[in-house]
N, C-alpha and C. Protein backbone atom coordinates (compact mmCIF):
# COMPACT_ATOMS: atom_id res chain seq x y z
N MET A 1 -16.47 -73.58 15.61
CA MET A 1 -16.18 -72.83 16.82
C MET A 1 -15.05 -73.51 17.57
N SER A 2 -14.11 -72.71 17.99
CA SER A 2 -12.99 -73.25 18.74
C SER A 2 -13.40 -73.44 20.20
N SER A 3 -12.97 -74.55 20.79
CA SER A 3 -13.27 -74.76 22.21
C SER A 3 -12.09 -74.31 23.08
N THR A 4 -11.12 -73.63 22.47
CA THR A 4 -10.00 -73.08 23.23
C THR A 4 -10.23 -71.59 23.40
N THR A 5 -10.41 -71.18 24.64
CA THR A 5 -10.61 -69.78 24.99
C THR A 5 -9.71 -69.46 26.17
N GLN A 6 -9.66 -68.22 26.56
CA GLN A 6 -8.89 -67.86 27.76
C GLN A 6 -9.43 -68.60 28.98
N ALA A 7 -10.74 -68.83 29.01
CA ALA A 7 -11.36 -69.54 30.14
C ALA A 7 -10.92 -71.00 30.17
N THR A 8 -10.98 -71.69 29.03
CA THR A 8 -10.59 -73.11 29.01
C THR A 8 -9.08 -73.26 29.23
N LEU A 9 -8.30 -72.31 28.74
CA LEU A 9 -6.87 -72.34 29.00
C LEU A 9 -6.58 -72.18 30.49
N ALA A 10 -7.29 -71.26 31.15
CA ALA A 10 -7.10 -71.05 32.59
C ALA A 10 -7.46 -72.31 33.38
N LEU A 11 -8.55 -72.97 33.00
CA LEU A 11 -8.95 -74.21 33.67
C LEU A 11 -7.91 -75.30 33.46
N THR A 12 -7.42 -75.43 32.23
CA THR A 12 -6.41 -76.44 31.91
C THR A 12 -5.12 -76.19 32.69
N ARG A 13 -4.67 -74.92 32.71
CA ARG A 13 -3.45 -74.57 33.45
C ARG A 13 -3.57 -74.89 34.94
N ALA A 14 -4.81 -74.72 35.46
CA ALA A 14 -5.03 -74.97 36.89
C ALA A 14 -5.23 -76.46 37.18
N GLY A 15 -5.25 -77.29 36.13
CA GLY A 15 -5.42 -78.72 36.33
C GLY A 15 -6.83 -79.13 36.70
N ILE A 16 -7.80 -78.32 36.31
CA ILE A 16 -9.20 -78.59 36.65
C ILE A 16 -9.86 -79.39 35.53
N ALA A 17 -10.52 -80.47 35.90
CA ALA A 17 -11.24 -81.31 34.94
C ALA A 17 -12.54 -80.62 34.54
N PHE A 18 -12.79 -80.56 33.24
CA PHE A 18 -14.03 -79.96 32.75
C PHE A 18 -14.43 -80.59 31.43
N THR A 19 -15.70 -80.47 31.11
CA THR A 19 -16.24 -80.96 29.84
C THR A 19 -16.80 -79.77 29.09
N VAL A 20 -16.56 -79.70 27.80
CA VAL A 20 -17.04 -78.59 26.96
C VAL A 20 -18.39 -78.96 26.35
N HIS A 21 -19.31 -78.00 26.36
CA HIS A 21 -20.61 -78.14 25.70
C HIS A 21 -20.77 -76.96 24.74
N ALA A 22 -20.89 -77.26 23.47
CA ALA A 22 -21.13 -76.20 22.48
C ALA A 22 -22.60 -76.22 22.10
N TYR A 23 -23.15 -75.05 21.83
CA TYR A 23 -24.55 -74.95 21.41
C TYR A 23 -24.69 -73.77 20.47
N THR A 24 -25.82 -73.67 19.81
CA THR A 24 -26.07 -72.55 18.90
C THR A 24 -26.59 -71.38 19.72
N TYR A 25 -25.77 -70.36 19.82
CA TYR A 25 -26.09 -69.15 20.59
C TYR A 25 -27.16 -68.35 19.85
N ASP A 26 -28.18 -67.93 20.58
CA ASP A 26 -29.24 -67.11 20.00
C ASP A 26 -29.10 -65.68 20.53
N PRO A 27 -28.60 -64.74 19.71
CA PRO A 27 -28.40 -63.37 20.19
C PRO A 27 -29.71 -62.66 20.53
N ASN A 28 -30.83 -63.21 20.09
CA ASN A 28 -32.13 -62.60 20.37
C ASN A 28 -32.84 -63.21 21.57
N ALA A 29 -32.20 -64.17 22.23
CA ALA A 29 -32.82 -64.81 23.39
C ALA A 29 -33.03 -63.77 24.48
N GLU A 30 -34.19 -63.85 25.10
CA GLU A 30 -34.52 -62.90 26.18
C GLU A 30 -33.61 -63.12 27.39
N ARG A 31 -33.34 -64.39 27.70
CA ARG A 31 -32.47 -64.73 28.83
C ARG A 31 -31.45 -65.75 28.34
N ILE A 32 -30.22 -65.30 28.15
CA ILE A 32 -29.17 -66.11 27.52
C ILE A 32 -28.90 -67.40 28.30
N GLY A 33 -28.84 -67.31 29.62
CA GLY A 33 -28.56 -68.50 30.43
C GLY A 33 -29.63 -69.56 30.27
N LEU A 34 -30.90 -69.15 30.21
CA LEU A 34 -31.98 -70.11 30.05
C LEU A 34 -31.94 -70.71 28.65
N GLN A 35 -31.59 -69.92 27.66
CA GLN A 35 -31.47 -70.44 26.30
C GLN A 35 -30.34 -71.46 26.24
N ALA A 36 -29.24 -71.20 26.91
CA ALA A 36 -28.12 -72.14 26.94
C ALA A 36 -28.52 -73.44 27.63
N ALA A 37 -29.24 -73.33 28.75
CA ALA A 37 -29.68 -74.52 29.49
C ALA A 37 -30.57 -75.40 28.60
N GLU A 38 -31.49 -74.78 27.92
CA GLU A 38 -32.38 -75.52 27.04
C GLU A 38 -31.60 -76.16 25.89
N ALA A 39 -30.68 -75.41 25.31
CA ALA A 39 -29.91 -75.90 24.16
C ALA A 39 -29.04 -77.11 24.49
N ILE A 40 -28.51 -77.16 25.72
CA ILE A 40 -27.66 -78.30 26.08
C ILE A 40 -28.42 -79.35 26.90
N GLY A 41 -29.71 -79.10 27.15
CA GLY A 41 -30.54 -80.06 27.88
C GLY A 41 -30.19 -80.20 29.34
N ALA A 42 -29.86 -79.10 29.99
CA ALA A 42 -29.47 -79.12 31.41
C ALA A 42 -30.47 -78.34 32.25
N ASP A 43 -30.57 -78.71 33.51
CA ASP A 43 -31.41 -78.02 34.48
C ASP A 43 -30.92 -76.57 34.61
N PRO A 44 -31.81 -75.57 34.41
CA PRO A 44 -31.38 -74.17 34.51
C PRO A 44 -30.77 -73.80 35.86
N ALA A 45 -31.11 -74.52 36.91
CA ALA A 45 -30.53 -74.23 38.23
C ALA A 45 -29.06 -74.62 38.28
N ARG A 46 -28.65 -75.53 37.38
CA ARG A 46 -27.27 -76.02 37.32
C ARG A 46 -26.44 -75.27 36.28
N VAL A 47 -27.13 -74.53 35.40
CA VAL A 47 -26.44 -73.73 34.39
C VAL A 47 -26.31 -72.32 34.96
N LEU A 48 -25.08 -71.89 35.18
CA LEU A 48 -24.84 -70.64 35.88
C LEU A 48 -24.52 -69.51 34.92
N LYS A 49 -24.98 -68.32 35.28
CA LYS A 49 -24.67 -67.13 34.48
C LYS A 49 -23.65 -66.29 35.23
N THR A 50 -22.87 -65.56 34.47
CA THR A 50 -21.84 -64.69 35.02
C THR A 50 -22.29 -63.25 34.81
N LEU A 51 -22.44 -62.51 35.88
CA LEU A 51 -22.85 -61.11 35.79
C LEU A 51 -21.78 -60.24 36.44
N MET A 52 -21.36 -59.23 35.71
CA MET A 52 -20.37 -58.30 36.23
C MET A 52 -21.09 -57.15 36.93
N VAL A 53 -20.59 -56.80 38.10
CA VAL A 53 -21.20 -55.76 38.92
C VAL A 53 -20.14 -54.77 39.38
N GLU A 54 -20.61 -53.70 39.99
CA GLU A 54 -19.73 -52.74 40.65
C GLU A 54 -20.13 -52.69 42.11
N ILE A 55 -19.16 -52.90 42.99
CA ILE A 55 -19.41 -52.83 44.42
C ILE A 55 -18.65 -51.63 44.96
N ASP A 56 -19.41 -50.70 45.52
CA ASP A 56 -18.81 -49.44 45.98
C ASP A 56 -17.95 -48.83 44.88
N GLY A 57 -18.42 -48.96 43.63
CA GLY A 57 -17.74 -48.37 42.47
C GLY A 57 -16.59 -49.19 41.90
N LYS A 58 -16.31 -50.36 42.50
CA LYS A 58 -15.21 -51.20 42.01
C LYS A 58 -15.77 -52.45 41.35
N PRO A 59 -15.07 -52.98 40.32
CA PRO A 59 -15.59 -54.14 39.59
C PRO A 59 -15.54 -55.43 40.41
N ALA A 60 -16.54 -56.28 40.14
CA ALA A 60 -16.59 -57.61 40.75
C ALA A 60 -17.39 -58.52 39.82
N CYS A 61 -17.27 -59.80 40.07
CA CYS A 61 -17.93 -60.82 39.25
C CYS A 61 -18.86 -61.64 40.14
N THR A 62 -20.05 -61.95 39.62
CA THR A 62 -20.97 -62.82 40.35
C THR A 62 -21.37 -63.98 39.46
N VAL A 63 -21.60 -65.14 40.07
CA VAL A 63 -21.99 -66.34 39.35
C VAL A 63 -23.20 -66.93 40.08
N LEU A 64 -24.29 -67.14 39.35
CA LEU A 64 -25.53 -67.59 39.95
C LEU A 64 -26.34 -68.42 38.95
N PRO A 65 -27.32 -69.19 39.44
CA PRO A 65 -28.14 -69.99 38.53
C PRO A 65 -28.84 -69.11 37.48
N SER A 66 -28.92 -69.66 36.27
CA SER A 66 -29.50 -68.89 35.16
C SER A 66 -30.99 -68.62 35.33
N ASP A 67 -31.65 -69.37 36.22
CA ASP A 67 -33.09 -69.17 36.42
C ASP A 67 -33.40 -68.28 37.63
N ARG A 68 -32.39 -67.62 38.16
CA ARG A 68 -32.58 -66.76 39.34
C ARG A 68 -32.14 -65.33 39.05
N GLU A 69 -32.57 -64.40 39.90
CA GLU A 69 -32.21 -62.99 39.76
C GLU A 69 -31.27 -62.60 40.88
N LEU A 70 -30.34 -61.72 40.56
CA LEU A 70 -29.36 -61.23 41.51
C LEU A 70 -30.00 -60.22 42.47
N SER A 71 -29.67 -60.32 43.75
CA SER A 71 -30.09 -59.34 44.74
C SER A 71 -28.90 -58.42 45.00
N MET A 72 -29.03 -57.16 44.63
CA MET A 72 -27.91 -56.23 44.82
C MET A 72 -27.58 -56.05 46.30
N LYS A 73 -28.58 -56.14 47.14
CA LYS A 73 -28.36 -56.02 48.58
C LYS A 73 -27.48 -57.19 49.07
N ARG A 74 -27.77 -58.40 48.59
CA ARG A 74 -26.99 -59.57 48.97
C ARG A 74 -25.59 -59.54 48.37
N VAL A 75 -25.47 -59.02 47.15
CA VAL A 75 -24.16 -58.90 46.51
C VAL A 75 -23.27 -57.97 47.33
N ALA A 76 -23.82 -56.82 47.71
CA ALA A 76 -23.06 -55.87 48.52
C ALA A 76 -22.62 -56.53 49.83
N ALA A 77 -23.54 -57.24 50.47
CA ALA A 77 -23.21 -57.90 51.73
C ALA A 77 -22.12 -58.96 51.54
N ALA A 78 -22.19 -59.71 50.44
CA ALA A 78 -21.20 -60.77 50.18
C ALA A 78 -19.79 -60.21 50.08
N PHE A 79 -19.68 -58.99 49.55
CA PHE A 79 -18.36 -58.37 49.38
C PHE A 79 -18.03 -57.39 50.50
N GLY A 80 -18.91 -57.27 51.49
CA GLY A 80 -18.68 -56.33 52.58
C GLY A 80 -18.73 -54.89 52.10
N ALA A 81 -19.57 -54.63 51.11
CA ALA A 81 -19.69 -53.29 50.52
C ALA A 81 -21.00 -52.64 50.94
N LYS A 82 -21.08 -51.35 50.69
CA LYS A 82 -22.30 -50.60 51.01
C LYS A 82 -23.32 -50.67 49.88
N SER A 83 -22.81 -50.71 48.62
CA SER A 83 -23.74 -50.71 47.49
C SER A 83 -23.22 -51.59 46.36
N ALA A 84 -24.16 -52.03 45.53
CA ALA A 84 -23.81 -52.82 44.35
C ALA A 84 -24.77 -52.45 43.23
N GLN A 85 -24.24 -52.45 42.02
CA GLN A 85 -25.07 -52.20 40.85
C GLN A 85 -24.50 -52.98 39.66
N MET A 86 -25.34 -53.20 38.66
CA MET A 86 -24.88 -53.90 37.46
C MET A 86 -23.86 -53.04 36.73
N MET A 87 -22.85 -53.69 36.17
CA MET A 87 -21.86 -52.99 35.36
C MET A 87 -22.44 -52.82 33.95
N LYS A 88 -22.13 -51.71 33.31
CA LYS A 88 -22.58 -51.49 31.94
C LYS A 88 -21.92 -52.54 31.03
N PRO A 89 -22.66 -53.06 30.04
CA PRO A 89 -22.12 -54.11 29.17
C PRO A 89 -20.77 -53.76 28.53
N ALA A 90 -20.62 -52.55 28.02
CA ALA A 90 -19.35 -52.17 27.37
C ALA A 90 -18.20 -52.22 28.37
N ALA A 91 -18.44 -51.79 29.60
CA ALA A 91 -17.40 -51.83 30.64
C ALA A 91 -17.06 -53.27 31.00
N ALA A 92 -18.08 -54.13 31.07
CA ALA A 92 -17.85 -55.55 31.38
C ALA A 92 -17.00 -56.20 30.29
N GLU A 93 -17.26 -55.87 29.04
CA GLU A 93 -16.48 -56.44 27.93
C GLU A 93 -15.03 -55.97 27.96
N ARG A 94 -14.81 -54.68 28.23
CA ARG A 94 -13.44 -54.15 28.31
C ARG A 94 -12.68 -54.81 29.46
N LEU A 95 -13.32 -54.94 30.59
CA LEU A 95 -12.69 -55.47 31.79
C LEU A 95 -12.34 -56.96 31.66
N THR A 96 -13.27 -57.73 31.12
CA THR A 96 -13.10 -59.19 31.09
C THR A 96 -12.38 -59.69 29.85
N GLY A 97 -12.49 -58.96 28.75
CA GLY A 97 -11.95 -59.44 27.49
C GLY A 97 -12.91 -60.37 26.76
N TYR A 98 -14.11 -60.52 27.29
CA TYR A 98 -15.14 -61.37 26.69
C TYR A 98 -16.31 -60.51 26.22
N HIS A 99 -17.09 -61.05 25.28
CA HIS A 99 -18.31 -60.38 24.82
C HIS A 99 -19.47 -60.77 25.73
N VAL A 100 -20.41 -59.84 25.95
CA VAL A 100 -21.62 -60.15 26.70
C VAL A 100 -22.28 -61.36 26.03
N GLY A 101 -22.73 -62.31 26.84
CA GLY A 101 -23.26 -63.57 26.31
C GLY A 101 -22.19 -64.63 26.28
N GLY A 102 -20.94 -64.23 26.53
CA GLY A 102 -19.82 -65.15 26.54
C GLY A 102 -18.87 -64.88 27.69
N ILE A 103 -19.33 -64.09 28.67
CA ILE A 103 -18.45 -63.74 29.80
C ILE A 103 -18.33 -64.94 30.75
N SER A 104 -17.10 -65.30 31.03
CA SER A 104 -16.80 -66.40 31.94
C SER A 104 -16.09 -65.83 33.17
N PRO A 105 -16.26 -66.46 34.32
CA PRO A 105 -15.49 -66.02 35.49
C PRO A 105 -14.04 -66.49 35.44
N PHE A 106 -13.72 -67.37 34.47
CA PHE A 106 -12.39 -67.94 34.35
C PHE A 106 -11.59 -67.21 33.26
N GLY A 107 -10.33 -66.92 33.54
CA GLY A 107 -9.45 -66.36 32.52
C GLY A 107 -9.78 -64.95 32.07
N GLN A 108 -10.40 -64.17 32.95
CA GLN A 108 -10.71 -62.79 32.59
C GLN A 108 -9.42 -61.99 32.43
N LYS A 109 -9.49 -60.97 31.60
CA LYS A 109 -8.33 -60.11 31.32
C LYS A 109 -7.78 -59.51 32.61
N ARG A 110 -8.67 -59.12 33.50
CA ARG A 110 -8.27 -58.54 34.78
C ARG A 110 -8.98 -59.30 35.90
N LYS A 111 -8.23 -59.82 36.83
CA LYS A 111 -8.83 -60.57 37.94
C LYS A 111 -9.54 -59.61 38.89
N VAL A 112 -10.79 -59.93 39.19
CA VAL A 112 -11.57 -59.12 40.12
C VAL A 112 -12.17 -60.04 41.18
N PRO A 113 -12.60 -59.49 42.31
CA PRO A 113 -13.25 -60.32 43.33
C PRO A 113 -14.48 -61.00 42.73
N THR A 114 -14.69 -62.25 43.14
CA THR A 114 -15.79 -63.04 42.60
C THR A 114 -16.62 -63.62 43.75
N ALA A 115 -17.94 -63.71 43.53
CA ALA A 115 -18.84 -64.36 44.49
C ALA A 115 -19.69 -65.36 43.72
N ILE A 116 -19.87 -66.53 44.31
CA ILE A 116 -20.68 -67.59 43.71
C ILE A 116 -21.84 -67.89 44.65
N GLU A 117 -23.03 -68.02 44.07
CA GLU A 117 -24.24 -68.33 44.84
C GLU A 117 -24.05 -69.62 45.63
N ALA A 118 -24.32 -69.57 46.93
CA ALA A 118 -24.07 -70.69 47.83
C ALA A 118 -24.84 -71.96 47.46
N THR A 119 -26.06 -71.84 46.97
CA THR A 119 -26.88 -73.02 46.72
C THR A 119 -26.30 -73.92 45.63
N VAL A 120 -25.45 -73.40 44.75
CA VAL A 120 -24.93 -74.22 43.65
C VAL A 120 -23.93 -75.27 44.12
N LEU A 121 -23.42 -75.12 45.34
CA LEU A 121 -22.48 -76.11 45.86
C LEU A 121 -23.16 -77.45 46.14
N ALA A 122 -24.50 -77.47 46.12
CA ALA A 122 -25.24 -78.72 46.33
C ALA A 122 -25.16 -79.64 45.12
N PHE A 123 -24.79 -79.10 43.96
CA PHE A 123 -24.71 -79.91 42.74
C PHE A 123 -23.34 -80.56 42.62
N ALA A 124 -23.31 -81.76 42.03
CA ALA A 124 -22.04 -82.43 41.77
C ALA A 124 -21.29 -81.72 40.65
N GLN A 125 -22.04 -81.21 39.66
CA GLN A 125 -21.46 -80.52 38.51
C GLN A 125 -22.33 -79.31 38.18
N VAL A 126 -21.70 -78.23 37.73
CA VAL A 126 -22.41 -77.05 37.24
C VAL A 126 -21.87 -76.73 35.86
N VAL A 127 -22.63 -75.93 35.13
CA VAL A 127 -22.23 -75.54 33.78
C VAL A 127 -22.10 -74.01 33.77
N ILE A 128 -20.95 -73.52 33.32
CA ILE A 128 -20.66 -72.09 33.33
C ILE A 128 -20.10 -71.69 31.97
N ASN A 129 -20.31 -70.44 31.59
CA ASN A 129 -19.83 -69.99 30.29
C ASN A 129 -18.33 -70.24 30.15
N GLY A 130 -17.95 -70.69 28.97
CA GLY A 130 -16.55 -71.03 28.70
C GLY A 130 -15.77 -69.95 28.01
N GLY A 131 -16.28 -68.72 28.00
CA GLY A 131 -15.52 -67.60 27.44
C GLY A 131 -15.82 -67.27 26.00
N GLN A 132 -16.93 -67.82 25.50
CA GLN A 132 -17.31 -67.56 24.12
C GLN A 132 -18.81 -67.82 24.01
N ARG A 133 -19.50 -67.01 23.23
CA ARG A 133 -20.93 -67.24 23.01
C ARG A 133 -21.12 -68.63 22.40
N GLY A 134 -21.98 -69.43 23.02
CA GLY A 134 -22.24 -70.78 22.52
C GLY A 134 -21.29 -71.84 23.05
N LEU A 135 -20.52 -71.50 24.07
CA LEU A 135 -19.56 -72.47 24.64
C LEU A 135 -19.69 -72.48 26.16
N MET A 136 -19.98 -73.64 26.70
CA MET A 136 -20.12 -73.79 28.15
C MET A 136 -19.13 -74.85 28.63
N VAL A 137 -18.73 -74.75 29.90
CA VAL A 137 -17.88 -75.76 30.51
C VAL A 137 -18.60 -76.33 31.73
N GLU A 138 -18.50 -77.64 31.88
CA GLU A 138 -19.11 -78.32 33.02
C GLU A 138 -18.00 -78.76 33.96
N LEU A 139 -18.15 -78.44 35.24
CA LEU A 139 -17.13 -78.75 36.23
C LEU A 139 -17.73 -78.82 37.61
N ALA A 140 -16.96 -79.28 38.57
CA ALA A 140 -17.42 -79.31 39.96
C ALA A 140 -17.51 -77.87 40.47
N PRO A 141 -18.57 -77.53 41.21
CA PRO A 141 -18.66 -76.15 41.72
C PRO A 141 -17.51 -75.80 42.65
N SER A 142 -16.99 -76.78 43.38
CA SER A 142 -15.86 -76.51 44.27
C SER A 142 -14.63 -76.10 43.47
N ASP A 143 -14.48 -76.65 42.26
CA ASP A 143 -13.36 -76.25 41.40
C ASP A 143 -13.55 -74.82 40.90
N ALA A 144 -14.80 -74.44 40.60
CA ALA A 144 -15.08 -73.06 40.17
C ALA A 144 -14.73 -72.09 41.30
N VAL A 145 -15.06 -72.46 42.52
CA VAL A 145 -14.74 -71.62 43.68
C VAL A 145 -13.22 -71.52 43.83
N ALA A 146 -12.54 -72.65 43.70
CA ALA A 146 -11.09 -72.68 43.91
C ALA A 146 -10.34 -71.83 42.88
N ILE A 147 -10.66 -71.97 41.61
CA ILE A 147 -9.91 -71.25 40.59
C ILE A 147 -10.19 -69.74 40.61
N THR A 148 -11.39 -69.36 41.02
CA THR A 148 -11.71 -67.92 41.05
C THR A 148 -11.39 -67.28 42.40
N GLY A 149 -11.18 -68.10 43.41
CA GLY A 149 -10.97 -67.56 44.75
C GLY A 149 -12.25 -66.91 45.27
N ALA A 150 -13.38 -67.44 44.84
CA ALA A 150 -14.67 -66.80 45.11
C ALA A 150 -15.10 -66.90 46.57
N VAL A 151 -15.87 -65.90 46.94
CA VAL A 151 -16.63 -65.90 48.18
C VAL A 151 -17.89 -66.70 47.85
N VAL A 152 -18.30 -67.59 48.73
CA VAL A 152 -19.55 -68.33 48.55
C VAL A 152 -20.56 -67.70 49.48
N ALA A 153 -21.66 -67.21 48.90
CA ALA A 153 -22.64 -66.47 49.69
C ALA A 153 -24.00 -66.51 48.99
N PRO A 154 -25.07 -66.23 49.75
CA PRO A 154 -26.37 -66.11 49.10
C PRO A 154 -26.40 -64.83 48.27
N LEU A 155 -26.66 -64.95 46.98
CA LEU A 155 -26.65 -63.78 46.08
C LEU A 155 -27.99 -63.52 45.41
N VAL A 156 -28.90 -64.49 45.46
CA VAL A 156 -30.14 -64.36 44.70
C VAL A 156 -31.27 -63.78 45.54
N ALA A 157 -32.19 -63.16 44.83
CA ALA A 157 -33.33 -62.52 45.48
C ALA A 157 -34.31 -63.56 45.99
């Protein structure tokens, strides 16, 4: 598996320090983020999942702990929108250029507004998908916020 993806290239271009973690991706895992956390031996609260949503019908990206659930009401509020819903997987893949299970908030094909769960800023390092199934990147949460231009807000239920 190559550790060079659009996500890692974007991080490198931005001068952000990160560490790559590769693991064996299980396509049958019930919860991909939790499977990744277990595979790399990391706290699931520190391993973040990337979920693509639609806010008032427009695409957006959310990043939250893999052991938590997204609150659509909070997502809408974070973006100043009236409504939010999950994006269909095929639409998320077309928009980001990544496959579901490998969607990263970094280096997406089309830049969209991003929100990151506020509680993750308490960690020195977080682990986020690196743009490929079975590839994670570890970095400072403040760097994740900086490169994505994310809004930091409470997003979980």
